[in-house]
Amino acid sequence: MAKRTVLVTAHTGKQTALRGARLVTERLIAAGITVRTLADGFTFPGAEEVPPDGDAAEGAELVIVLGGDGTLLRAAELSRPAGVPLIGVNLGHVGFLAEAEPDGLTDLVDRVVERQYLVEERMTIDVTVRSNGSAIVSTWALNEATVEKAARERMIELVIEVDGRPLSRWGCDGVVCSTPTGSTAYAFSAGGPVVWPEVEALLMVPISAHALFAPPMVVSPESVLAVELIAAVDTSGAVLWCDGRRKVDLPPGARVEVRRGALPVLLARLPAPGERGGRFTDRLVAKFGLPVAGWRGRSWEDAGEHA
């Protein structure tokens, strides 16, 4: 039987994350699983240190991430090219991408050891920046790509395009091009809709647009979105952010194209006993503290089962 290997990463600036990572590492090694850690992170006796580059997750069964969504997005840069699923432990604020909370750490490790987890694909976006027709940057995002102003005192002027046709011109603070996974991140803060992760779609959400037509839009996953900075308008200071991690300074007249990503991100999750769906609904209620008192549900079905 092939040796099992797990990469463990953590937010190195949080002692709670490092303590949790040491606990995870210790229990995995005790179960006979090889543990890798990043050379820029924490050290633990018995773990193999690897450089924090694109090969860190190669050949691993799983990447366990302790931190907030930002830490998980960083880990996705390692796991995506290797085709390895991520599972997160939330030590941040909201933690929509995480599967477990700190008090469930021991259970998470036990279920990983027993292979009691499922793997789902999350759609990504590929992003191309063009200047004078030539591609100058190619990157990607799991949550969103955002074209936005860098200077607080001025707007940017842009034209948005869907499937090769111009749709509208906006003077605005920016525009968010998002995946369903990112619909609860920046796009949500900008007034976009919440899209369940199993729905395949692309979202375009304006940020403070001065226009009569500037609604959040949901389009086909096969569509291509484009944002063009108006070359005749001084748009110095316009930038592209991908997942809030990768920044590109945009020249005047730049064009940003967003399409469905060629590679998904794989997320591992721990199914609840007898789970029949509704997991994301429960997550929304828990993360946002939504009021559901008084809900009776399909109580007549339960009564019929016991009749």
Protein backbone atom coordinates (compact mmCIF):
# COMPACT_ATOMS: atom_id res chain seq x y z
CA MET A 1 0.00 0.00 0.00
CA ALA A 2 1.33 3.44 -0.96
CA LYS A 3 2.51 5.69 1.82
CA ARG A 4 0.01 8.42 2.67
CA THR A 5 1.27 12.01 2.76
CA VAL A 6 -0.47 15.16 4.02
CA LEU A 7 0.78 18.74 3.73
CA VAL A 8 -0.03 20.83 6.82
CA THR A 9 0.03 24.63 6.52
CA ALA A 10 -0.86 27.31 9.04
CA HIS A 11 -1.06 31.07 9.55
CA THR A 12 2.41 31.51 11.03
CA GLY A 13 1.44 34.80 12.69
CA LYS A 14 -1.15 33.15 14.94
CA GLN A 15 -0.04 31.07 17.89
CA THR A 16 -3.43 29.30 17.95
CA ALA A 17 -2.82 28.19 14.36
CA LEU A 18 0.68 26.94 15.16
CA ARG A 19 -0.52 25.03 18.23
CA GLY A 20 -3.30 23.46 16.18
CA ALA A 21 -0.84 22.56 13.40
CA ARG A 22 1.43 20.82 15.90
CA LEU A 23 -1.51 18.82 17.25
CA VAL A 24 -2.56 17.82 13.72
CA THR A 25 1.02 16.87 12.81
CA GLU A 26 1.50 14.81 15.94
CA ARG A 27 -1.73 12.83 15.47
CA LEU A 28 -1.13 12.21 11.77
CA ILE A 29 2.41 10.95 12.37
CA ALA A 30 1.13 8.71 15.18
CA ALA A 31 -1.33 7.23 12.65
CA GLY A 32 1.54 6.40 10.28
CA ILE A 33 0.93 9.25 7.84
CA THR A 34 3.86 11.24 6.46
CA VAL A 35 3.49 14.97 7.18
CA ARG A 36 5.02 17.78 5.15
CA THR A 37 5.31 21.33 6.42
CA LEU A 38 6.47 24.44 4.61
CA ALA A 39 10.02 25.58 5.24
CA ASP A 40 8.78 29.11 5.97
CA GLY A 41 6.26 27.93 8.53
CA PHE A 42 6.62 25.86 11.68
CA THR A 43 8.85 22.89 12.46
CA PHE A 44 7.90 19.68 14.19
CA PRO A 45 9.94 16.55 14.92
CA GLY A 46 9.19 13.86 12.36
CA ALA A 47 7.73 16.22 9.73
CA GLU A 48 9.37 16.78 6.34
CA GLU A 49 10.07 20.42 5.47
CA VAL A 50 9.51 21.37 1.83
CA PRO A 51 10.02 24.68 0.01
CA PRO A 52 6.85 26.82 -0.25
CA ASP A 53 6.70 26.53 -4.02
CA GLY A 54 4.52 24.89 -6.66
CA ASP A 55 5.80 21.40 -5.84
CA ALA A 56 4.98 21.48 -2.13
CA ALA A 57 1.69 19.56 -2.51
CA GLU A 58 2.79 17.28 -5.36
CA GLY A 59 1.90 13.66 -4.57
CA ALA A 60 0.10 14.50 -1.32
CA GLU A 61 -3.32 13.11 -0.48
CA LEU A 62 -4.57 16.25 1.22
CA VAL A 63 -3.59 19.75 2.35
CA ILE A 64 -4.79 20.71 5.84
CA VAL A 65 -4.92 24.48 6.38
CA LEU A 66 -5.21 26.22 9.76
CA GLY A 67 -6.12 29.89 9.56
CA GLY A 68 -8.67 32.13 7.89
CA ASP A 69 -9.84 32.25 4.29
CA GLY A 70 -6.71 34.20 3.36
CA THR A 71 -4.50 31.34 4.56
CA LEU A 72 -6.62 28.87 2.59
CA LEU A 73 -6.37 31.00 -0.56
CA ARG A 74 -2.59 30.98 -0.17
CA ALA A 75 -2.62 27.19 0.21
CA ALA A 76 -4.79 26.92 -2.93
CA GLU A 77 -1.85 28.30 -4.92
CA LEU A 78 0.05 25.16 -3.89
CA SER A 79 -2.75 22.60 -4.13
CA ARG A 80 -4.40 23.65 -7.41
CA PRO A 81 -1.56 22.76 -9.81
CA ALA A 82 -1.01 19.46 -7.98
CA GLY A 83 -4.72 18.52 -8.09
CA VAL A 84 -4.74 17.96 -4.32
CA PRO A 85 -7.82 18.78 -2.18
CA LEU A 86 -7.73 21.32 0.65
CA ILE A 87 -9.49 21.14 3.98
CA GLY A 88 -9.53 24.20 6.22
CA VAL A 89 -9.80 24.80 9.96
CA ASN A 90 -11.23 28.27 10.59
CA LEU A 91 -9.11 30.45 12.85
CA GLY A 92 -10.20 33.69 11.19
CA HIS A 93 -13.39 35.75 11.35
CA VAL A 94 -15.97 34.26 8.96
CA GLY A 95 -14.14 31.38 7.33
CA PHE A 96 -16.57 30.47 4.55
CA LEU A 97 -14.02 28.20 2.88
CA ALA A 98 -13.10 26.29 6.04
CA GLU A 99 -14.70 22.97 6.86
CA ALA A 100 -14.03 22.77 10.59
CA GLU A 101 -13.79 24.99 13.65
CA PRO A 102 -10.99 24.74 16.25
CA ASP A 103 -13.08 22.64 18.64
CA GLY A 104 -13.48 20.03 15.89
CA LEU A 105 -9.77 19.63 15.21
CA THR A 106 -9.40 16.16 16.74
CA ASP A 107 -12.47 14.88 14.90
CA LEU A 108 -11.13 16.30 11.62
CA VAL A 109 -7.82 14.45 12.00
CA ASP A 110 -9.57 11.21 12.94
CA ARG A 111 -11.79 11.40 9.88
CA VAL A 112 -8.85 12.18 7.62
CA VAL A 113 -7.04 9.13 9.02
CA GLU A 114 -10.12 7.00 8.28
CA ARG A 115 -10.58 8.65 4.86
CA GLN A 116 -14.07 9.80 5.87
CA TYR A 117 -14.19 12.88 3.70
CA LEU A 118 -15.60 13.86 0.34
CA VAL A 119 -13.99 15.98 -2.37
CA GLU A 120 -15.79 18.62 -4.41
CA GLU A 121 -14.63 20.84 -7.25
CA ARG A 122 -14.83 24.61 -6.97
CA MET A 123 -14.85 26.62 -10.16
CA THR A 124 -12.02 29.12 -10.67
CA ILE A 125 -11.47 31.95 -13.14
CA ASP A 126 -8.55 32.55 -15.49
CA VAL A 127 -7.64 36.22 -15.87
CA THR A 128 -5.72 37.84 -18.74
CA VAL A 129 -4.55 41.45 -18.83
CA ARG A 130 -3.98 42.95 -22.29
CA SER A 131 -2.34 46.20 -23.30
CA ASN A 132 -2.52 47.32 -26.95
CA GLY A 133 -3.81 43.85 -27.83
CA SER A 134 -0.90 41.94 -26.29
CA ALA A 135 -1.30 39.74 -23.22
CA ILE A 136 0.96 41.12 -20.49
CA VAL A 137 -0.27 39.11 -17.48
CA SER A 138 -2.04 35.77 -17.04
CA THR A 139 -3.25 34.74 -13.60
CA TRP A 140 -6.24 33.12 -11.87
CA ALA A 141 -8.53 33.35 -8.85
CA LEU A 142 -10.76 31.15 -6.73
CA ASN A 143 -12.92 33.95 -5.32
CA GLU A 144 -12.70 37.00 -7.54
CA ALA A 145 -10.76 39.29 -9.83
CA THR A 146 -11.33 42.97 -9.07
CA VAL A 147 -10.50 45.97 -11.22
CA GLU A 148 -10.50 48.97 -8.91
CA LYS A 149 -9.15 52.44 -8.36
CA ALA A 150 -5.99 52.78 -6.34
CA ALA A 151 -6.44 56.47 -5.52
CA ARG A 152 -9.22 57.28 -3.07
CA GLU A 153 -9.96 60.69 -4.57
CA ARG A 154 -10.83 59.61 -8.12
CA MET A 155 -13.04 57.17 -9.99
CA ILE A 156 -12.06 54.98 -12.89
CA GLU A 157 -13.90 55.05 -16.21
CA LEU A 158 -14.49 51.72 -17.90
CA VAL A 159 -16.60 49.77 -20.39
CA ILE A 160 -17.81 46.30 -19.52
CA GLU A 161 -18.26 43.56 -22.11
CA VAL A 162 -20.01 40.19 -22.10
CA ASP A 163 -19.33 37.59 -24.81
CA GLY A 164 -17.59 40.06 -27.11
CA ARG A 165 -20.33 42.71 -26.99
CA PRO A 166 -20.21 46.01 -25.04
CA LEU A 167 -22.85 46.27 -22.31
CA SER A 168 -22.35 49.57 -20.50
CA ARG A 169 -19.91 52.29 -19.52
CA TRP A 170 -19.40 53.11 -15.85
CA GLY A 171 -17.66 55.74 -13.83
CA CYS A 172 -17.08 53.75 -10.66
CA ASP A 173 -14.77 52.65 -7.88
CA GLY A 174 -14.32 49.31 -9.63
CA VAL A 175 -15.94 46.05 -10.67
CA VAL A 176 -15.79 42.54 -9.20
CA CYS A 177 -15.75 39.46 -11.45
CA SER A 178 -16.50 36.53 -9.18
CA THR A 179 -17.07 32.79 -9.00
CA PRO A 180 -19.95 31.32 -6.97
CA THR A 181 -17.41 30.54 -4.25
CA GLY A 182 -16.49 34.22 -4.17
CA SER A 183 -20.11 35.36 -4.03
CA THR A 184 -19.90 35.47 -0.22
CA ALA A 185 -16.64 37.45 -0.27
CA TYR A 186 -15.95 40.83 -1.92
CA ALA A 187 -18.87 40.48 -4.36
CA PHE A 188 -21.25 40.11 -1.41
CA SER A 189 -19.86 43.26 0.23
CA ALA A 190 -20.40 45.12 -3.06
CA GLY A 191 -24.08 44.13 -3.13
CA GLY A 192 -23.90 41.00 -5.28
CA PRO A 193 -26.12 37.93 -4.88
CA VAL A 194 -25.24 34.84 -2.85
CA VAL A 195 -24.80 31.94 -5.28
CA TRP A 196 -24.75 28.36 -4.01
CA PRO A 197 -21.36 26.79 -4.82
CA GLU A 198 -22.77 23.95 -6.90
CA VAL A 199 -24.22 26.51 -9.34
CA GLU A 200 -21.86 27.12 -12.24
CA ALA A 201 -21.87 30.79 -13.21
CA LEU A 202 -19.82 33.97 -13.44
CA LEU A 203 -20.76 37.12 -11.54
CA MET A 204 -20.06 40.76 -12.40
CA VAL A 205 -20.72 43.26 -9.60
CA PRO A 206 -20.02 47.01 -9.90
CA ILE A 207 -18.53 48.94 -6.98
CA SER A 208 -20.22 52.32 -6.44
CA ALA A 209 -21.04 52.83 -10.12
CA HIS A 210 -22.42 56.22 -11.24
CA ALA A 211 -24.80 54.88 -13.87
CA LEU A 212 -28.50 54.21 -14.42
CA PHE A 213 -27.79 50.60 -15.37
CA ALA A 214 -25.36 49.03 -12.94
CA PRO A 215 -26.96 45.93 -11.41
CA PRO A 216 -25.05 42.85 -10.26
CA MET A 217 -25.17 40.30 -13.07
CA VAL A 218 -24.99 36.51 -13.25
CA VAL A 219 -23.97 34.99 -16.59
CA SER A 220 -23.18 31.60 -18.07
CA PRO A 221 -19.98 29.85 -16.95
CA GLU A 222 -19.07 29.68 -20.64
CA SER A 223 -19.28 33.45 -21.05
CA VAL A 224 -16.25 35.70 -21.25
CA LEU A 225 -16.31 38.92 -19.25
CA ALA A 226 -14.10 41.88 -20.10
CA VAL A 227 -13.38 45.19 -18.44
CA GLU A 228 -11.73 47.92 -20.53
CA LEU A 229 -10.25 51.07 -19.03
CA ILE A 230 -11.07 54.11 -21.15
CA ALA A 231 -7.76 55.15 -22.68
CA ALA A 232 -8.83 58.78 -23.16
CA VAL A 233 -9.54 59.17 -19.44
CA ASP A 234 -6.79 59.46 -16.85
CA THR A 235 -7.06 56.08 -15.13
CA SER A 236 -3.65 56.15 -13.50
CA GLY A 237 -3.81 54.17 -10.33
CA ALA A 238 -6.14 51.45 -11.61
CA VAL A 239 -5.19 48.01 -10.32
CA LEU A 240 -6.25 44.39 -10.64
CA TRP A 241 -6.47 42.23 -7.53
CA CYS A 242 -6.96 38.45 -7.68
CA ASP A 243 -8.23 36.93 -4.43
CA GLY A 244 -6.83 39.96 -2.64
CA ARG A 245 -3.38 38.38 -2.98
CA ARG A 246 -1.99 39.00 -6.45
CA LYS A 247 -1.83 42.64 -7.59
CA VAL A 248 -1.31 43.96 -11.13
CA ASP A 249 -0.92 47.67 -11.89
CA LEU A 250 -3.03 48.41 -14.96
CA PRO A 251 -1.83 50.83 -17.66
CA PRO A 252 -4.33 53.29 -19.21
CA GLY A 253 -6.43 51.52 -21.82
CA ALA A 254 -5.80 48.07 -20.33
CA ARG A 255 -8.25 45.27 -20.97
CA VAL A 256 -8.96 42.57 -18.37
CA GLU A 257 -10.57 39.33 -19.61
CA VAL A 258 -12.16 36.83 -17.24
CA ARG A 259 -13.26 33.33 -18.19
CA ARG A 260 -13.88 29.99 -16.52
CA GLY A 261 -10.65 28.56 -15.15
CA ALA A 262 -9.02 25.57 -16.79
CA LEU A 263 -8.23 24.04 -13.37
CA PRO A 264 -10.66 23.89 -10.43
CA VAL A 265 -9.68 24.02 -6.78
CA LEU A 266 -10.53 20.83 -4.91
CA LEU A 267 -12.06 21.21 -1.44
CA ALA A 268 -12.44 18.31 0.98
CA ARG A 269 -15.36 18.34 3.35
CA LEU A 270 -16.67 16.24 6.20
CA PRO A 271 -20.23 15.08 5.48
CA ALA A 272 -22.65 15.10 8.39
CA PRO A 273 -24.36 11.79 9.31
CA GLY A 274 -27.37 11.30 7.04
CA GLU A 275 -26.61 14.50 5.13
CA ARG A 276 -29.16 15.13 2.39
CA GLY A 277 -28.10 18.56 1.18
CA GLY A 278 -28.60 22.02 2.63
CA ARG A 279 -25.07 22.18 3.97
CA PHE A 280 -24.39 25.59 2.42
CA THR A 281 -27.70 26.92 3.73
CA ASP A 282 -26.67 25.89 7.25
CA ARG A 283 -23.30 27.56 6.72
CA LEU A 284 -24.95 30.85 5.74
CA VAL A 285 -27.12 30.76 8.86
CA ALA A 286 -24.15 30.00 11.11
CA LYS A 287 -21.65 32.44 9.59
CA PHE A 288 -24.05 35.41 9.36
CA GLY A 289 -26.06 34.61 12.50
CA LEU A 290 -29.29 34.61 10.49
CA PRO A 291 -32.59 34.44 12.46
CA VAL A 292 -34.44 31.18 11.82
CA ALA A 293 -36.50 30.92 15.04
CA GLY A 294 -40.04 29.72 14.31
CA TRP A 295 -39.06 27.50 11.36
CA ARG A 296 -41.08 24.28 11.35
CA GLY A 297 -39.93 22.80 8.07
CA ARG A 298 -41.62 19.76 6.56
CA SER A 299 -42.75 18.56 9.98
CA TRP A 300 -45.63 16.56 8.48
CA GLU A 301 -43.13 14.27 6.77
CA ASP A 302 -41.46 13.45 10.09
CA ALA A 303 -44.87 12.83 11.67
CA GLY A 304 -45.74 10.45 8.84
CA GLU A 305 -42.54 8.48 9.35
CA HIS A 306 -43.51 7.78 12.97
CA ALA A 307 -47.21 7.14 12.37
